[in-house]
Amino acid sequence: MVQDESKGEVVAASAAPREKKPNFFARIALFIRQVFAELRKVVTPTRQELGKYTAVVLGFVVVMMALVYGLDALFVWVTTIVFGIPA
């Protein structure tokens, strides 16, 4: 273990020289190749799966809306009790 002088961090000592960083255009080309490789892994859902996922998302949204509405109504009731209704 060797201490890095610039940041003061402890790093592993290595006798191997660092690889030279590729030029700007080579890095862009590598990035684009990696993007296409990842896009090939994407699986499109079937029509039935898409319907199930849509129903789950809409159900979750409805439940969260009900929760927020319930908390809002509760807080309105509590503030009305605490501060009273102005005459």
Protein backbone atom coordinates (compact mmCIF):
# COMPACT_ATOMS: atom_id res chain seq x y z
CA MET A 1 0.00 0.00 0.00
CA VAL A 2 1.21 3.42 -0.96
CA GLN A 3 -0.17 6.82 -0.01
CA ASP A 4 -1.25 8.98 -2.94
CA GLU A 5 0.54 12.30 -2.54
CA SER A 6 -1.98 14.48 -4.37
CA LYS A 7 -5.07 13.49 -2.34
CA GLY A 8 -3.56 11.73 0.65
CA GLU A 9 -5.48 8.51 -0.05
CA VAL A 10 -4.07 5.03 0.43
CA VAL A 11 -3.90 3.14 -2.88
CA ALA A 12 -2.52 -0.21 -3.95
CA ALA A 13 1.04 -0.11 -5.26
CA SER A 14 1.35 -1.38 -8.80
CA ALA A 15 4.44 -1.94 -10.88
CA ALA A 16 2.42 -2.07 -14.10
CA PRO A 17 2.32 1.20 -16.06
CA ARG A 18 -1.07 2.83 -16.55
CA GLU A 19 -2.77 2.36 -19.88
CA LYS A 20 -2.79 5.39 -22.11
CA LYS A 21 -6.23 6.99 -22.36
CA PRO A 22 -7.68 6.77 -25.90
CA ASN A 23 -8.26 10.02 -27.77
CA PHE A 24 -11.53 11.93 -27.68
CA PHE A 25 -13.05 10.44 -30.85
CA ALA A 26 -12.11 6.88 -29.86
CA ARG A 27 -13.87 7.37 -26.51
CA ILE A 28 -17.00 8.66 -28.28
CA ALA A 29 -16.97 5.66 -30.65
CA LEU A 30 -16.54 3.29 -27.69
CA PHE A 31 -19.44 4.96 -25.89
CA ILE A 32 -21.73 4.62 -28.92
CA ARG A 33 -20.77 0.94 -29.35
CA GLN A 34 -21.55 0.34 -25.67
CA VAL A 35 -24.92 2.11 -26.01
CA PHE A 36 -25.90 -0.13 -28.93
CA ALA A 37 -24.71 -3.21 -27.02
CA GLU A 38 -26.94 -2.25 -24.08
CA LEU A 39 -29.90 -1.53 -26.36
CA ARG A 40 -29.62 -5.05 -27.80
CA LYS A 41 -30.26 -6.39 -24.27
CA VAL A 42 -33.60 -4.56 -23.96
CA VAL A 43 -36.62 -6.87 -23.97
CA THR A 44 -39.94 -5.47 -25.18
CA PRO A 45 -42.87 -6.60 -23.01
CA THR A 46 -45.73 -8.56 -24.52
CA ARG A 47 -49.20 -7.03 -24.82
CA GLN A 48 -50.40 -8.89 -21.71
CA GLU A 49 -47.35 -7.81 -19.68
CA LEU A 50 -47.81 -4.22 -20.81
CA GLY A 51 -51.46 -4.32 -19.69
CA LYS A 52 -50.46 -5.73 -16.29
CA TYR A 53 -47.71 -3.13 -15.81
CA THR A 54 -50.10 -0.32 -16.77
CA ALA A 55 -52.74 -1.58 -14.33
CA VAL A 56 -50.19 -1.82 -11.52
CA VAL A 57 -48.93 1.72 -12.14
CA LEU A 58 -52.44 3.18 -12.34
CA GLY A 59 -53.45 1.27 -9.20
CA PHE A 60 -50.42 2.58 -7.33
CA VAL A 61 -51.17 6.15 -8.45
CA VAL A 62 -54.78 5.85 -7.26
CA VAL A 63 -53.64 4.49 -3.87
CA MET A 64 -51.11 7.29 -3.47
CA MET A 65 -53.72 9.91 -4.45
CA ALA A 66 -56.08 8.50 -1.82
CA LEU A 67 -53.31 8.57 0.78
CA VAL A 68 -52.42 12.19 0.02
CA TYR A 69 -56.09 13.19 0.00
CA GLY A 70 -56.62 11.45 3.34
CA LEU A 71 -53.61 13.14 4.91
CA ASP A 72 -54.73 16.51 3.54
CA ALA A 73 -58.22 16.06 4.99
CA LEU A 74 -56.69 14.99 8.33
CA PHE A 75 -54.41 18.04 8.46
CA VAL A 76 -57.30 20.37 7.58
CA TRP A 77 -59.36 18.84 10.39
CA VAL A 78 -56.46 19.12 12.90
CA THR A 79 -55.74 22.76 12.00
CA THR A 80 -59.44 23.57 12.27
CA ILE A 81 -59.53 22.02 15.76
CA VAL A 82 -56.31 23.71 16.88
CA PHE A 83 -56.88 27.20 15.44
CA GLY A 84 -60.67 27.26 15.23
CA ILE A 85 -62.87 28.64 12.48
CA PRO A 86 -62.62 32.44 12.12
CA ALA A 87 -65.93 34.19 12.62
